[in-house]
Amino acid sequence: MKTKKFYLSIMVFTMFLALSSCSLGDDDNNIVERNDDDGDGVVNVIDECAHTPEGVEVDAVGCPIEID
């Protein structure tokens, strides 16, 4: 009888660990897009200046930084 309880508790613990490591996406249960099409290091969701030329230094929102 003790062996059955032991295996049952191990099985419940394992299922809890497996389910707790699952992710459902963002708060709205949608998958969040994390692509960076122009390769400037800023994800498309917040990139305000899409299609920045390669090698151009950009700010936090993906727009080219003007160097004086």
PDB file of N, CA and C in Angstrom:
ATOM      1  N   MET A   1       0.821  -1.199   0.000  1.00  0.00           N
ATOM      2  CA  MET A   1       0.000   0.000   0.000  1.00  0.00           C
ATOM      3  C   MET A   1       0.863   1.260   0.000  1.00  0.00           C
ATOM      4  N   LYS A   2       1.966   1.247   0.783  1.00  0.00           N
ATOM      5  CA  LYS A   2       2.851   2.404   0.833  1.00  0.00           C
ATOM      6  C   LYS A   2       3.514   2.639  -0.523  1.00  0.00           C
ATOM      7  N   THR A   3       3.801   1.562  -1.236  1.00  0.00           N
ATOM      8  CA  THR A   3       4.441   1.682  -2.549  1.00  0.00           C
ATOM      9  C   THR A   3       3.515   2.379  -3.533  1.00  0.00           C
ATOM     10  N   LYS A   4       2.220   2.067  -3.522  1.00  0.00           N
ATOM     11  CA  LYS A   4       1.265   2.712  -4.416  1.00  0.00           C
ATOM     12  C   LYS A   4       1.163   4.204  -4.116  1.00  0.00           C
ATOM     13  N   LYS A   5       1.115   4.578  -2.842  1.00  0.00           N
ATOM     14  CA  LYS A   5       1.052   5.984  -2.471  1.00  0.00           C
ATOM     15  C   LYS A   5       2.310   6.714  -2.907  1.00  0.00           C
ATOM     16  N   PHE A   6       3.447   6.051  -2.756  1.00  0.00           N
ATOM     17  CA  PHE A   6       4.725   6.656  -3.156  1.00  0.00           C
ATOM     18  C   PHE A   6       4.730   6.925  -4.660  1.00  0.00           C
ATOM     19  N   TYR A   7       4.377   5.943  -5.464  1.00  0.00           N
ATOM     20  CA  TYR A   7       4.372   6.125  -6.915  1.00  0.00           C
ATOM     21  C   TYR A   7       3.319   7.145  -7.348  1.00  0.00           C
ATOM     22  N   LEU A   8       2.172   7.163  -6.686  1.00  0.00           N
ATOM     23  CA  LEU A   8       1.141   8.139  -6.996  1.00  0.00           C
ATOM     24  C   LEU A   8       1.633   9.555  -6.700  1.00  0.00           C
ATOM     25  N   SER A   9       2.293   9.740  -5.560  1.00  0.00           N
ATOM     26  CA  SER A   9       2.805  11.068  -5.227  1.00  0.00           C
ATOM     27  C   SER A   9       3.911  11.491  -6.196  1.00  0.00           C
ATOM     28  N   ILE A  10       4.757  10.580  -6.620  1.00  0.00           N
ATOM     29  CA  ILE A  10       5.797  10.888  -7.616  1.00  0.00           C
ATOM     30  C   ILE A  10       5.155  11.278  -8.936  1.00  0.00           C
ATOM     31  N   MET A  11       4.117  10.573  -9.342  1.00  0.00           N
ATOM     32  CA  MET A  11       3.434  10.866 -10.604  1.00  0.00           C
ATOM     33  C   MET A  11       2.760  12.241 -10.544  1.00  0.00           C
ATOM     34  N   VAL A  12       2.088  12.574  -9.451  1.00  0.00           N
ATOM     35  CA  VAL A  12       1.427  13.869  -9.303  1.00  0.00           C
ATOM     36  C   VAL A  12       2.471  14.983  -9.311  1.00  0.00           C
ATOM     37  N   PHE A  13       3.572  14.804  -8.616  1.00  0.00           N
ATOM     38  CA  PHE A  13       4.640  15.803  -8.577  1.00  0.00           C
ATOM     39  C   PHE A  13       5.224  16.022  -9.970  1.00  0.00           C
ATOM     40  N   THR A  14       5.453  14.955 -10.708  1.00  0.00           N
ATOM     41  CA  THR A  14       6.000  15.055 -12.062  1.00  0.00           C
ATOM     42  C   THR A  14       5.039  15.783 -12.989  1.00  0.00           C
ATOM     43  N   MET A  15       3.752  15.489 -12.891  1.00  0.00           N
ATOM     44  CA  MET A  15       2.759  16.167 -13.727  1.00  0.00           C
ATOM     45  C   MET A  15       2.690  17.651 -13.372  1.00  0.00           C
ATOM     46  N   PHE A  16       2.785  17.976 -12.084  1.00  0.00           N
ATOM     47  CA  PHE A  16       2.780  19.374 -11.665  1.00  0.00           C
ATOM     48  C   PHE A  16       3.969  20.115 -12.271  1.00  0.00           C
ATOM     49  N   LEU A  17       5.154  19.538 -12.219  1.00  0.00           N
ATOM     50  CA  LEU A  17       6.342  20.173 -12.799  1.00  0.00           C
ATOM     51  C   LEU A  17       6.201  20.355 -14.307  1.00  0.00           C
ATOM     52  N   ALA A  18       5.685  19.346 -14.977  1.00  0.00           N
ATOM     53  CA  ALA A  18       5.533  19.431 -16.433  1.00  0.00           C
ATOM     54  C   ALA A  18       4.543  20.518 -16.823  1.00  0.00           C
ATOM     55  N   LEU A  19       3.430  20.616 -16.124  1.00  0.00           N
ATOM     56  CA  LEU A  19       2.418  21.615 -16.469  1.00  0.00           C
ATOM     57  C   LEU A  19       2.833  23.018 -16.048  1.00  0.00           C
ATOM     58  N   SER A  20       3.585  23.158 -14.980  1.00  0.00           N
ATOM     59  CA  SER A  20       3.985  24.487 -14.525  1.00  0.00           C
ATOM     60  C   SER A  20       5.037  25.107 -15.429  1.00  0.00           C
ATOM     61  N   SER A  21       5.726  24.308 -16.225  1.00  0.00           N
ATOM     62  CA  SER A  21       6.747  24.849 -17.119  1.00  0.00           C
ATOM     63  C   SER A  21       6.175  25.246 -18.480  1.00  0.00           C
ATOM     64  N   CYS A  22       4.896  25.010 -18.713  1.00  0.00           N
ATOM     65  CA  CYS A  22       4.272  25.375 -19.980  1.00  0.00           C
ATOM     66  C   CYS A  22       4.008  26.875 -20.023  1.00  0.00           C
ATOM     67  N   SER A  23       4.144  27.459 -21.214  1.00  0.00           N
ATOM     68  CA  SER A  23       3.890  28.884 -21.388  1.00  0.00           C
ATOM     69  C   SER A  23       2.723  29.067 -22.343  1.00  0.00           C
ATOM     70  N   LEU A  24       1.871  30.028 -22.035  1.00  0.00           N
ATOM     71  CA  LEU A  24       0.703  30.285 -22.881  1.00  0.00           C
ATOM     72  C   LEU A  24       0.871  31.531 -23.742  1.00  0.00           C
ATOM     73  N   GLY A  25       2.016  32.176 -23.705  1.00  0.00           N
ATOM     74  CA  GLY A  25       2.214  33.397 -24.481  1.00  0.00           C
ATOM     75  C   GLY A  25       2.080  34.613 -23.588  1.00  0.00           C
ATOM     76  N   ASP A  26       1.603  35.716 -24.130  1.00  0.00           N
ATOM     77  CA  ASP A  26       1.457  36.934 -23.342  1.00  0.00           C
ATOM     78  C   ASP A  26       0.172  36.896 -22.514  1.00  0.00           C
ATOM     79  N   ASP A  27      -0.171  37.995 -21.869  1.00  0.00           N
ATOM     80  CA  ASP A  27      -1.336  38.037 -20.976  1.00  0.00           C
ATOM     81  C   ASP A  27      -2.649  37.748 -21.682  1.00  0.00           C
ATOM     82  N   ASP A  28      -2.736  38.006 -22.977  1.00  0.00           N
ATOM     83  CA  ASP A  28      -3.968  37.751 -23.735  1.00  0.00           C
ATOM     84  C   ASP A  28      -3.992  36.356 -24.329  1.00  0.00           C
ATOM     85  N   ASN A  29      -3.053  35.509 -23.923  1.00  0.00           N
ATOM     86  CA  ASN A  29      -2.915  34.151 -24.447  1.00  0.00           C
ATOM     87  C   ASN A  29      -2.669  34.127 -25.946  1.00  0.00           C
ATOM     88  N   ASN A  30      -2.017  35.149 -26.462  1.00  0.00           N
ATOM     89  CA  ASN A  30      -1.621  35.191 -27.863  1.00  0.00           C
ATOM     90  C   ASN A  30      -0.121  34.988 -27.949  1.00  0.00           C
ATOM     91  N   ILE A  31       0.321  34.481 -29.070  1.00  0.00           N
ATOM     92  CA  ILE A  31       1.753  34.348 -29.292  1.00  0.00           C
ATOM     93  C   ILE A  31       2.292  35.726 -29.652  1.00  0.00           C
ATOM     94  N   VAL A  32       3.348  36.143 -28.991  1.00  0.00           N
ATOM     95  CA  VAL A  32       3.941  37.450 -29.235  1.00  0.00           C
ATOM     96  C   VAL A  32       4.982  37.319 -30.337  1.00  0.00           C
ATOM     97  N   GLU A  33       4.866  38.167 -31.343  1.00  0.00           N
ATOM     98  CA  GLU A  33       5.821  38.149 -32.449  1.00  0.00           C
ATOM     99  C   GLU A  33       7.133  38.748 -31.969  1.00  0.00           C
ATOM    100  N   ARG A  34       8.238  38.041 -32.188  1.00  0.00           N
ATOM    101  CA  ARG A  34       9.546  38.512 -31.765  1.00  0.00           C
ATOM    102  C   ARG A  34      10.509  38.554 -32.943  1.00  0.00           C
ATOM    103  N   ASN A  35       9.998  38.792 -34.130  1.00  0.00           N
ATOM    104  CA  ASN A  35      10.834  38.844 -35.322  1.00  0.00           C
ATOM    105  C   ASN A  35      11.472  40.216 -35.477  1.00  0.00           C
ATOM    106  N   ASP A  36      12.598  40.245 -36.168  1.00  0.00           N
ATOM    107  CA  ASP A  36      13.305  41.479 -36.482  1.00  0.00           C
ATOM    108  C   ASP A  36      13.648  41.421 -37.969  1.00  0.00           C
ATOM    109  N   ASP A  37      12.722  41.868 -38.804  1.00  0.00           N
ATOM    110  CA  ASP A  37      12.875  41.719 -40.248  1.00  0.00           C
ATOM    111  C   ASP A  37      14.059  42.492 -40.827  1.00  0.00           C
ATOM    112  N   ASP A  38      14.351  43.682 -40.302  1.00  0.00           N
ATOM    113  CA  ASP A  38      15.436  44.466 -40.885  1.00  0.00           C
ATOM    114  C   ASP A  38      16.788  44.228 -40.205  1.00  0.00           C
ATOM    115  N   GLY A  39      16.818  43.413 -39.155  1.00  0.00           N
ATOM    116  CA  GLY A  39      18.073  43.023 -38.529  1.00  0.00           C
ATOM    117  C   GLY A  39      18.761  44.117 -37.742  1.00  0.00           C
ATOM    118  N   ASP A  40      17.996  45.110 -37.266  1.00  0.00           N
ATOM    119  CA  ASP A  40      18.617  46.208 -36.522  1.00  0.00           C
ATOM    120  C   ASP A  40      18.661  45.959 -35.015  1.00  0.00           C
ATOM    121  N   GLY A  41      18.142  44.819 -34.563  1.00  0.00           N
ATOM    122  CA  GLY A  41      18.160  44.484 -33.150  1.00  0.00           C
ATOM    123  C   GLY A  41      16.920  44.909 -32.394  1.00  0.00           C
ATOM    124  N   VAL A  42      15.944  45.489 -33.087  1.00  0.00           N
ATOM    125  CA  VAL A  42      14.682  45.918 -32.468  1.00  0.00           C
ATOM    126  C   VAL A  42      13.567  45.064 -33.065  1.00  0.00           C
ATOM    127  N   VAL A  43      12.778  44.409 -32.197  1.00  0.00           N
ATOM    128  CA  VAL A  43      11.716  43.527 -32.696  1.00  0.00           C
ATOM    129  C   VAL A  43      10.652  44.333 -33.437  1.00  0.00           C
ATOM    130  N   ASN A  44      10.016  43.700 -34.411  1.00  0.00           N
ATOM    131  CA  ASN A  44       9.032  44.367 -35.272  1.00  0.00           C
ATOM    132  C   ASN A  44       7.905  45.039 -34.502  1.00  0.00           C
ATOM    133  N   VAL A  45       7.501  44.462 -33.366  1.00  0.00           N
ATOM    134  CA  VAL A  45       6.374  44.983 -32.609  1.00  0.00           C
ATOM    135  C   VAL A  45       6.614  46.427 -32.165  1.00  0.00           C
ATOM    136  N   ILE A  46       7.865  46.775 -31.834  1.00  0.00           N
ATOM    137  CA  ILE A  46       8.158  48.137 -31.362  1.00  0.00           C
ATOM    138  C   ILE A  46       9.005  48.934 -32.349  1.00  0.00           C
ATOM    139  N   ASP A  47       9.333  48.352 -33.498  1.00  0.00           N
ATOM    140  CA  ASP A  47      10.182  49.024 -34.488  1.00  0.00           C
ATOM    141  C   ASP A  47       9.381  50.099 -35.216  1.00  0.00           C
ATOM    142  N   GLU A  48       9.691  51.378 -34.935  1.00  0.00           N
ATOM    143  CA  GLU A  48       8.969  52.493 -35.556  1.00  0.00           C
ATOM    144  C   GLU A  48       9.544  52.866 -36.923  1.00  0.00           C
ATOM    145  N   CYS A  49      10.742  52.416 -37.226  1.00  0.00           N
ATOM    146  CA  CYS A  49      11.375  52.711 -38.517  1.00  0.00           C
ATOM    147  C   CYS A  49      11.775  51.390 -39.167  1.00  0.00           C
ATOM    148  N   ALA A  50      10.790  50.740 -39.766  1.00  0.00           N
ATOM    149  CA  ALA A  50      11.054  49.457 -40.412  1.00  0.00           C
ATOM    150  C   ALA A  50      11.967  49.644 -41.624  1.00  0.00           C
ATOM    151  N   HIS A  51      12.649  48.594 -41.994  1.00  0.00           N
ATOM    152  CA  HIS A  51      13.526  48.566 -43.172  1.00  0.00           C
ATOM    153  C   HIS A  51      14.722  49.501 -43.033  1.00  0.00           C
ATOM    154  N   THR A  52      15.297  49.566 -41.824  1.00  0.00           N
ATOM    155  CA  THR A  52      16.514  50.333 -41.612  1.00  0.00           C
ATOM    156  C   THR A  52      17.642  49.660 -42.393  1.00  0.00           C
ATOM    157  N   PRO A  53      18.470  50.440 -43.112  1.00  0.00           N
ATOM    158  CA  PRO A  53      19.579  49.840 -43.864  1.00  0.00           C
ATOM    159  C   PRO A  53      20.544  49.092 -42.943  1.00  0.00           C
ATOM    160  N   GLU A  54      21.172  48.066 -43.461  1.00  0.00           N
ATOM    161  CA  GLU A  54      22.104  47.256 -42.689  1.00  0.00           C
ATOM    162  C   GLU A  54      23.306  48.088 -42.245  1.00  0.00           C
ATOM    163  N   GLY A  55      23.707  47.898 -40.996  1.00  0.00           N
ATOM    164  CA  GLY A  55      24.872  48.586 -40.468  1.00  0.00           C
ATOM    165  C   GLY A  55      24.601  49.948 -39.861  1.00  0.00           C
ATOM    166  N   VAL A  56      23.385  50.458 -39.989  1.00  0.00           N
ATOM    167  CA  VAL A  56      23.038  51.762 -39.426  1.00  0.00           C
ATOM    168  C   VAL A  56      22.742  51.583 -37.941  1.00  0.00           C
ATOM    169  N   GLU A  57      23.314  52.447 -37.094  1.00  0.00           N
ATOM    170  CA  GLU A  57      23.063  52.395 -35.659  1.00  0.00           C
ATOM    171  C   GLU A  57      21.682  52.981 -35.381  1.00  0.00           C
ATOM    172  N   VAL A  58      20.896  52.257 -34.535  1.00  0.00           N
ATOM    173  CA  VAL A  58      19.522  52.679 -34.264  1.00  0.00           C
ATOM    174  C   VAL A  58      19.307  52.901 -32.771  1.00  0.00           C
ATOM    175  N   ASP A  59      18.234  53.642 -32.436  1.00  0.00           N
ATOM    176  CA  ASP A  59      17.877  53.862 -31.041  1.00  0.00           C
ATOM    177  C   ASP A  59      16.979  52.730 -30.546  1.00  0.00           C
ATOM    178  N   ALA A  60      16.370  52.899 -29.379  1.00  0.00           N
ATOM    179  CA  ALA A  60      15.571  51.849 -28.740  1.00  0.00           C
ATOM    180  C   ALA A  60      14.316  51.475 -29.521  1.00  0.00           C
ATOM    181  N   VAL A  61      13.836  52.364 -30.403  1.00  0.00           N
ATOM    182  CA  VAL A  61      12.631  52.062 -31.168  1.00  0.00           C
ATOM    183  C   VAL A  61      12.938  51.781 -32.644  1.00  0.00           C
ATOM    184  N   GLY A  62      14.214  51.595 -32.968  1.00  0.00           N
ATOM    185  CA  GLY A  62      14.587  51.172 -34.304  1.00  0.00           C
ATOM    186  C   GLY A  62      14.824  52.267 -35.320  1.00  0.00           C
ATOM    187  N   CYS A  63      14.865  53.515 -34.890  1.00  0.00           N
ATOM    188  CA  CYS A  63      15.115  54.631 -35.830  1.00  0.00           C
ATOM    189  C   CYS A  63      16.603  54.978 -35.832  1.00  0.00           C
ATOM    190  N   PRO A  64      17.125  55.370 -36.999  1.00  0.00           N
ATOM    191  CA  PRO A  64      18.565  55.703 -37.102  1.00  0.00           C
ATOM    192  C   PRO A  64      18.952  56.812 -36.133  1.00  0.00           C
ATOM    193  N   ILE A  65      20.131  56.656 -35.549  1.00  0.00           N
ATOM    194  CA  ILE A  65      20.679  57.678 -34.646  1.00  0.00           C
ATOM    195  C   ILE A  65      21.470  58.670 -35.483  1.00  0.00           C
ATOM    196  N   GLU A  66      21.141  59.948 -35.314  1.00  0.00           N
ATOM    197  CA  GLU A  66      21.862  60.995 -36.049  1.00  0.00           C
ATOM    198  C   GLU A  66      23.126  61.347 -35.283  1.00  0.00           C
ATOM    199  N   ILE A  67      24.265  61.219 -35.954  1.00  0.00           N
ATOM    200  CA  ILE A  67      25.549  61.564 -35.350  1.00  0.00           C
ATOM    201  C   ILE A  67      25.982  62.903 -35.908  1.00  0.00           C
ATOM    202  N   ASP A  68      26.255  63.868 -34.989  1.00  0.00           N
ATOM    203  CA  ASP A  68      26.652  65.209 -35.414  1.00  0.00           C
ATOM    204  C   ASP A  68      28.120  65.263 -35.792  1.00  0.00           C
TER     205      ASP A  68
END
